[in-house]
C-alpha atoms as a PDB file:
ATOM      1  CA  ILE A   1      34.690 -25.175 -38.439  1.00  0.00           C
ATOM      2  CA  ILE A   2      38.002 -26.288 -36.925  1.00  0.00           C
ATOM      3  CA  ASN A   3      37.469 -29.994 -37.656  1.00  0.00           C
ATOM      4  CA  GLN A   4      36.820 -29.184 -41.344  1.00  0.00           C
ATOM      5  CA  LEU A   5      40.150 -27.435 -41.875  1.00  0.00           C
ATOM      6  CA  PRO A   6      43.328 -29.187 -43.037  1.00  0.00           C
ATOM      7  CA  LYS A   7      45.625 -30.423 -40.288  1.00  0.00           C
ATOM      8  CA  ASN A   8      48.030 -27.690 -39.063  1.00  0.00           C
ATOM      9  CA  PHE A   9      45.995 -24.995 -40.853  1.00  0.00           C
ATOM     10  CA  ILE A  10      47.298 -21.479 -40.199  1.00  0.00           C
ATOM     11  CA  PRO A  11      44.709 -18.665 -40.377  1.00  0.00           C
ATOM     12  CA  PHE A  12      45.008 -16.355 -43.368  1.00  0.00           C
ATOM     13  CA  SER A  13      46.980 -13.238 -42.471  1.00  0.00           C
ATOM     14  CA  ARG A  14      46.550 -11.238 -45.690  1.00  0.00           C
ATOM     15  CA  GLY A  15      43.501 -10.187 -47.701  1.00  0.00           C
ATOM     16  CA  VAL A  16      40.860 -12.857 -48.238  1.00  0.00           C
ATOM     17  CA  LYS A  17      38.458 -13.262 -51.163  1.00  0.00           C
ATOM     18  CA  ILE A  18      35.311 -15.325 -50.712  1.00  0.00           C
ATOM     19  CA  THR A  19      35.009 -17.019 -54.098  1.00  0.00           C
ATOM     20  CA  HIS A  20      31.933 -19.081 -53.251  1.00  0.00           C
ATOM     21  CA  CYS A  21      29.543 -19.034 -50.303  1.00  0.00           C
ATOM     22  CA  TRP A  22      26.251 -20.903 -50.394  1.00  0.00           C
ATOM     23  CA  PHE A  23      23.797 -21.124 -47.522  1.00  0.00           C
ATOM     24  CA  ILE A  24      21.666 -24.188 -48.270  1.00  0.00           C
ATOM     25  CA  PHE A  25      18.426 -24.604 -46.305  1.00  0.00           C
ATOM     26  CA  PRO A  26      16.240 -27.725 -46.018  1.00  0.00           C
ATOM     27  CA  PRO A  27      13.003 -27.779 -48.016  1.00  0.00           C
ATOM     28  CA  LEU A  28      10.011 -26.440 -46.143  1.00  0.00           C
ATOM     29  CA  LYS A  29       7.610 -28.910 -44.534  1.00  0.00           C
ATOM     30  CA  SER A  30       4.763 -26.954 -46.120  1.00  0.00           C
ATOM     31  CA  TRP A  31       5.975 -27.807 -49.648  1.00  0.00           C
ATOM     32  CA  SER A  32       3.635 -30.098 -51.540  1.00  0.00           C
ATOM     33  CA  LYS A  33       4.851 -33.473 -52.750  1.00  0.00           C
ATOM     34  CA  LYS A  34       4.732 -32.076 -56.292  1.00  0.00           C
ATOM     35  CA  LYS A  35       6.950 -29.105 -55.390  1.00  0.00           C
ATOM     36  CA  ARG A  36       9.444 -31.422 -53.661  1.00  0.00           C
ATOM     37  CA  ALA A  37       9.490 -33.742 -56.680  1.00  0.00           C
ATOM     38  CA  ASP A  38       9.909 -30.797 -59.071  1.00  0.00           C
ATOM     39  CA  ALA A  39      12.762 -29.474 -56.931  1.00  0.00           C
ATOM     40  CA  GLU A  40      14.514 -32.842 -56.910  1.00  0.00           C
ATOM     41  CA  LEU A  41      14.377 -32.919 -60.710  1.00  0.00           C
ATOM     42  CA  LEU A  42      16.574 -29.829 -60.666  1.00  0.00           C
ATOM     43  CA  GLY A  43      19.404 -31.955 -59.265  1.00  0.00           C
ATOM     44  CA  GLY A  44      20.428 -29.956 -56.220  1.00  0.00           C
ATOM     45  CA  PHE A  45      17.242 -27.883 -56.021  1.00  0.00           C
ATOM     46  CA  VAL A  46      18.539 -24.302 -56.422  1.00  0.00           C
ATOM     47  CA  ILE A  47      15.218 -22.753 -55.485  1.00  0.00           C
ATOM     48  CA  PHE A  48      16.277 -19.427 -54.056  1.00  0.00           C
ATOM     49  CA  LYS A  49      15.240 -18.578 -50.491  1.00  0.00           C
ATOM     50  CA  THR A  50      13.658 -15.135 -50.425  1.00  0.00           C
ATOM     51  CA  THR A  51      12.633 -15.105 -46.772  1.00  0.00           C
ATOM     52  CA  ALA A  52      14.521 -14.526 -43.502  1.00  0.00           C
ATOM     53  CA  PRO A  53      17.262 -14.754 -42.449  1.00  0.00           C
ATOM     54  CA  ASP A  54      18.780 -11.866 -44.364  1.00  0.00           C
ATOM     55  CA  LEU A  55      21.776 -12.882 -46.469  1.00  0.00           C
ATOM     56  CA  THR A  56      24.254 -10.112 -45.695  1.00  0.00           C
ATOM     57  CA  ASP A  57      23.274  -8.784 -42.273  1.00  0.00           C
ATOM     58  CA  ASN A  58      22.543 -12.063 -40.561  1.00  0.00           C
ATOM     59  CA  LEU A  59      24.002 -15.040 -42.398  1.00  0.00           C
ATOM     60  CA  MET A  60      27.274 -13.549 -43.607  1.00  0.00           C
ATOM     61  CA  LYS A  61      27.888 -11.646 -40.355  1.00  0.00           C
ATOM     62  CA  GLY A  62      27.411 -14.774 -38.249  1.00  0.00           C
ATOM     63  CA  LEU A  63      29.622 -16.876 -40.506  1.00  0.00           C
ATOM     64  CA  MET A  64      32.399 -14.270 -40.601  1.00  0.00           C
ATOM     65  CA  ASP A  65      32.282 -13.922 -36.808  1.00  0.00           C
ATOM     66  CA  ALA A  66      32.524 -17.724 -36.433  1.00  0.00           C
ATOM     67  CA  MET A  67      35.528 -17.952 -38.775  1.00  0.00           C
ATOM     68  CA  GLN A  68      37.395 -15.010 -37.216  1.00  0.00           C
ATOM     69  CA  GLY A  69      40.500 -16.202 -35.393  1.00  0.00           C
ATOM     70  CA  VAL A  70      40.122 -19.675 -36.912  1.00  0.00           C
ATOM     71  CA  VAL A  71      40.189 -19.254 -40.705  1.00  0.00           C
ATOM     72  CA  PHE A  72      41.449 -15.676 -40.833  1.00  0.00           C
ATOM     73  CA  ILE A  73      42.755 -13.357 -38.153  1.00  0.00           C
ATOM     74  CA  ASN A  74      40.079 -10.668 -38.488  1.00  0.00           C
ATOM     75  CA  ASP A  75      36.997 -10.367 -40.697  1.00  0.00           C
ATOM     76  CA  SER A  76      38.254  -6.958 -41.838  1.00  0.00           C
ATOM     77  CA  GLN A  77      40.613  -8.978 -44.082  1.00  0.00           C
ATOM     78  CA  ILE A  78      37.685  -9.870 -46.373  1.00  0.00           C
ATOM     79  CA  CYS A  79      38.380  -7.742 -49.442  1.00  0.00           C
ATOM     80  CA  ALA A  80      36.121  -9.310 -52.090  1.00  0.00           C
ATOM     81  CA  MET A  81      33.114 -11.623 -52.351  1.00  0.00           C
ATOM     82  CA  ASP A  82      31.643 -13.491 -55.314  1.00  0.00           C
ATOM     83  CA  ASN A  83      28.930 -16.088 -55.768  1.00  0.00           C
ATOM     84  CA  ILE A  84      27.059 -15.528 -52.476  1.00  0.00           C
ATOM     85  CA  LYS A  85      23.639 -17.245 -52.442  1.00  0.00           C
ATOM     86  CA  LYS A  86      20.958 -18.693 -50.197  1.00  0.00           C
ATOM     87  CA  PHE A  87      18.646 -21.382 -51.463  1.00  0.00           C
ATOM     88  CA  TYR A  88      16.865 -24.618 -50.617  1.00  0.00           C
ATOM     89  CA  GLY A  89      18.585 -27.938 -51.169  1.00  0.00           C
ATOM     90  CA  PRO A  90      18.317 -31.604 -50.244  1.00  0.00           C
ATOM     91  CA  LYS A  91      21.083 -31.325 -47.629  1.00  0.00           C
ATOM     92  CA  PRO A  92      21.341 -28.237 -45.375  1.00  0.00           C
ATOM     93  CA  MET A  93      24.865 -26.848 -45.158  1.00  0.00           C
ATOM     94  CA  ILE A  94      27.114 -23.874 -45.682  1.00  0.00           C
ATOM     95  CA  GLU A  95      29.553 -24.298 -48.527  1.00  0.00           C
ATOM     96  CA  ILE A  96      32.398 -21.761 -48.663  1.00  0.00           C
ATOM     97  CA  GLU A  97      35.620 -21.351 -50.598  1.00  0.00           C
ATOM     98  CA  LEU A  98      38.246 -18.727 -49.815  1.00  0.00           C
ATOM     99  CA  GLU A  99      41.519 -17.618 -51.339  1.00  0.00           C
ATOM    100  CA  GLU A 100      44.222 -15.449 -49.888  1.00  0.00           C
ATOM    101  CA  LYS A 101      44.994 -12.271 -51.854  1.00  0.00           C
END
């Protein structure tokens, strides 16, 4: 996380709104070639992941714990969340945008 922040970044000290948080998982090896091809036609896939790990209890908790003390002082500062999703995509990653309130 630290190497992805702007140089001399200072952790947020006020309320924080998560405006966008996407957990993007790689396609499953069990997917047929047809399903992979169909998914690629969708551009960035956006086939929602309905299996473990759980979005709020596991994924969000782990991410907030990892960002605590680095991006914001304490995860209790999170006061709002929008656009939180988990889905399959061609490149696994976590994409997050925050704004200070």
